[in-house]
Amino acid sequence: MLVSKLRPGGPGIATFIFETLTQLHATLARTYKLAVSLPDVPFARIHAKTAGLPRTTETERLVIQRIGQDVFRDTLMDYWGGPPAF
């Protein structure tokens, strides 16, 4: 079980205490997945993949959108921990 205590005098806003290493590892894994799937990281990946592509016609823009789609899909899979149940 996770316990959170406010620490008015210490660094940060709260202290988190885990009863087991398994709980700590699960929390760190989830935190990592959230960190790499939040808006800045996927945008940077899409920008890097499409940096050298022209952006002058609608067809070229459509290609750029399709290239970014796999980044978006992979980010959702990381965020939710796998494919959806349906």
C-alpha atoms as a PDB file:
ATOM      1  CA  MET A   1       0.000   0.000   0.000  1.00  0.00           C
ATOM      2  CA  LEU A   2       1.165   3.493  -0.840  1.00  0.00           C
ATOM      3  CA  VAL A   3       1.260   6.072   1.919  1.00  0.00           C
ATOM      4  CA  SER A   4       1.651   9.758   1.155  1.00  0.00           C
ATOM      5  CA  LYS A   5       2.633  12.296   3.776  1.00  0.00           C
ATOM      6  CA  LEU A   6       2.868  16.020   3.285  1.00  0.00           C
ATOM      7  CA  ARG A   7       6.290  17.385   4.132  1.00  0.00           C
ATOM      8  CA  PRO A   8       6.022  21.124   4.615  1.00  0.00           C
ATOM      9  CA  GLY A   9       9.697  21.539   5.516  1.00  0.00           C
ATOM     10  CA  GLY A  10      11.321  19.003   3.186  1.00  0.00           C
ATOM     11  CA  PRO A  11      12.120  18.809  -0.500  1.00  0.00           C
ATOM     12  CA  GLY A  12       9.171  18.267  -2.784  1.00  0.00           C
ATOM     13  CA  ILE A  13       5.489  18.288  -1.896  1.00  0.00           C
ATOM     14  CA  ALA A  14       5.038  14.782  -0.504  1.00  0.00           C
ATOM     15  CA  THR A  15       6.885  11.682   0.619  1.00  0.00           C
ATOM     16  CA  PHE A  16       5.784   8.292  -0.652  1.00  0.00           C
ATOM     17  CA  ILE A  17       6.426   5.155   1.359  1.00  0.00           C
ATOM     18  CA  PHE A  18       6.055   1.682  -0.136  1.00  0.00           C
ATOM     19  CA  GLU A  19       5.647  -1.448   1.924  1.00  0.00           C
ATOM     20  CA  THR A  20       7.376  -3.672  -0.642  1.00  0.00           C
ATOM     21  CA  LEU A  21       9.899  -3.352  -3.451  1.00  0.00           C
ATOM     22  CA  THR A  22       7.265  -4.747  -5.812  1.00  0.00           C
ATOM     23  CA  GLN A  23       5.042  -1.751  -5.128  1.00  0.00           C
ATOM     24  CA  LEU A  24       7.977   0.608  -5.649  1.00  0.00           C
ATOM     25  CA  HIS A  25       8.935  -1.068  -8.944  1.00  0.00           C
ATOM     26  CA  ALA A  26       5.335  -0.968 -10.210  1.00  0.00           C
ATOM     27  CA  THR A  27       5.093   2.722  -9.384  1.00  0.00           C
ATOM     28  CA  LEU A  28       8.411   3.520 -11.043  1.00  0.00           C
ATOM     29  CA  ALA A  29       7.393   1.589 -14.168  1.00  0.00           C
ATOM     30  CA  ARG A  30       4.097   3.483 -14.377  1.00  0.00           C
ATOM     31  CA  THR A  31       5.843   6.809 -13.789  1.00  0.00           C
ATOM     32  CA  TYR A  32       8.286   6.055 -16.601  1.00  0.00           C
ATOM     33  CA  LYS A  33       5.461   5.111 -18.994  1.00  0.00           C
ATOM     34  CA  LEU A  34       3.656   8.349 -18.201  1.00  0.00           C
ATOM     35  CA  ALA A  35       6.823  10.400 -18.620  1.00  0.00           C
ATOM     36  CA  VAL A  36       7.573   9.042 -22.096  1.00  0.00           C
ATOM     37  CA  SER A  37       3.974   9.232 -23.283  1.00  0.00           C
ATOM     38  CA  LEU A  38       3.140  12.772 -22.215  1.00  0.00           C
ATOM     39  CA  PRO A  39       2.873  15.355 -25.025  1.00  0.00           C
ATOM     40  CA  ASP A  40       6.485  16.556 -25.326  1.00  0.00           C
ATOM     41  CA  VAL A  41       8.138  13.180 -25.915  1.00  0.00           C
ATOM     42  CA  PRO A  42       5.847  11.881 -28.713  1.00  0.00           C
ATOM     43  CA  PHE A  43       5.909  15.287 -30.419  1.00  0.00           C
ATOM     44  CA  ALA A  44       9.711  15.283 -30.417  1.00  0.00           C
ATOM     45  CA  ARG A  45       9.733  11.749 -31.912  1.00  0.00           C
ATOM     46  CA  ILE A  46       7.317  12.774 -34.686  1.00  0.00           C
ATOM     47  CA  HIS A  47       9.327  15.925 -35.395  1.00  0.00           C
ATOM     48  CA  ALA A  48      12.570  13.922 -35.638  1.00  0.00           C
ATOM     49  CA  LYS A  49      11.004  11.355 -38.005  1.00  0.00           C
ATOM     50  CA  THR A  50       9.572  14.022 -40.308  1.00  0.00           C
ATOM     51  CA  ALA A  51      12.285  16.701 -40.122  1.00  0.00           C
ATOM     52  CA  GLY A  52      13.606  16.105 -43.640  1.00  0.00           C
ATOM     53  CA  LEU A  53      10.246  15.790 -45.402  1.00  0.00           C
ATOM     54  CA  PRO A  54       8.821  18.609 -47.538  1.00  0.00           C
ATOM     55  CA  ARG A  55       5.648  20.344 -46.363  1.00  0.00           C
ATOM     56  CA  THR A  56       4.413  22.075 -49.488  1.00  0.00           C
ATOM     57  CA  THR A  57       1.404  20.066 -50.701  1.00  0.00           C
ATOM     58  CA  GLU A  58      -1.578  18.342 -49.106  1.00  0.00           C
ATOM     59  CA  THR A  59      -0.283  14.934 -50.210  1.00  0.00           C
ATOM     60  CA  GLU A  60       3.061  15.500 -48.542  1.00  0.00           C
ATOM     61  CA  ARG A  61       1.314  16.625 -45.350  1.00  0.00           C
ATOM     62  CA  LEU A  62      -0.812  13.465 -45.410  1.00  0.00           C
ATOM     63  CA  VAL A  63       2.365  11.353 -45.597  1.00  0.00           C
ATOM     64  CA  ILE A  64       3.774  13.228 -42.597  1.00  0.00           C
ATOM     65  CA  GLN A  65       0.556  12.583 -40.645  1.00  0.00           C
ATOM     66  CA  ARG A  66       0.729   8.860 -41.454  1.00  0.00           C
ATOM     67  CA  ILE A  67       4.357   8.709 -40.327  1.00  0.00           C
ATOM     68  CA  GLY A  68       3.346  10.247 -36.996  1.00  0.00           C
ATOM     69  CA  GLN A  69       0.460   7.813 -36.542  1.00  0.00           C
ATOM     70  CA  ASP A  70       2.725   4.943 -35.432  1.00  0.00           C
ATOM     71  CA  VAL A  71       4.303   7.189 -32.791  1.00  0.00           C
ATOM     72  CA  PHE A  72       0.836   8.105 -31.515  1.00  0.00           C
ATOM     73  CA  ARG A  73      -0.281   4.453 -31.459  1.00  0.00           C
ATOM     74  CA  ASP A  74       2.916   3.302 -29.706  1.00  0.00           C
ATOM     75  CA  THR A  75       2.520   6.095 -27.152  1.00  0.00           C
ATOM     76  CA  LEU A  76      -1.044   5.014 -26.366  1.00  0.00           C
ATOM     77  CA  MET A  77       0.067   1.391 -25.982  1.00  0.00           C
ATOM     78  CA  ASP A  78       2.824   2.451 -23.563  1.00  0.00           C
ATOM     79  CA  TYR A  79       0.449   4.679 -21.621  1.00  0.00           C
ATOM     80  CA  TRP A  80      -2.234   2.009 -21.196  1.00  0.00           C
ATOM     81  CA  GLY A  81       0.185  -0.895 -20.753  1.00  0.00           C
ATOM     82  CA  GLY A  82      -0.786  -2.796 -23.895  1.00  0.00           C
ATOM     83  CA  PRO A  83      -3.624  -3.072 -26.398  1.00  0.00           C
ATOM     84  CA  PRO A  84      -7.205  -2.327 -25.349  1.00  0.00           C
ATOM     85  CA  ALA A  85      -9.373  -5.143 -24.072  1.00  0.00           C
ATOM     86  CA  PHE A  86     -12.075  -4.752 -26.703  1.00  0.00           C
END
